[in-house]
Amino acid sequence: MKKRLLFITVFSLLATSIFAQKTKKKSNFWKKVQFGGGINIGFTNNATALGISPSALYNVNDKFGLGLGVSYLYSKYKTSSTALNAYGGSALALYKPFNGMQLSGEFEETFINVANTSREVPALYLGAGYNMGRNIAAGIRYDVLYDENKSLYASPLTPFVRVYF
């Protein structure tokens, strides 16, 4: 019985090792991943806003990419003693139908904390922009879930600049 168990164990380990060596392929996954994001800086007579939004993008092919990101925004109004802190995450899809054009869809869930009260603000952005090579794109996006009483921004239209390395 012990010999049979030893034989089965050794045979299983050898078969697994041989199978793993034959099916192991070099992954191109990391060659298709780009890291980047954006920085938000805004100044008005009444407020200052500073934000950062790093993200990672996986290029499925030359025309289509999928990504995930996180974001943080700090905003301080001169007329108020409280500051706004907003943080969240997003899922992004990019499509380049032809050279120079970039279409995007992005779902973002933002959590806003002001004066010890919190709320969630979802946004679904549809965007179009000019793609300047593989690394930089600039354009405008529209939040189809925009609600002026809940949204973080004053308008459903927001410009974007995306930089990936």
Foldseek 3Di string as FASTA:
>chain_A
DVVVVVVVVVVVVVVVVVVCVVPDDDDCFVVQKWKWFDWDWDDDPFKTKTKTKIKMWGDPDPFKIKIKIKMWMWMDTPVDPKIKIKIWMKIKMWGDPDAFKIWIWMWIWMWIAIPNDIDIDIWIWTWMWTDDPDFKTKTKIFTPSDDCVDDPDNHRIDIDMIGID
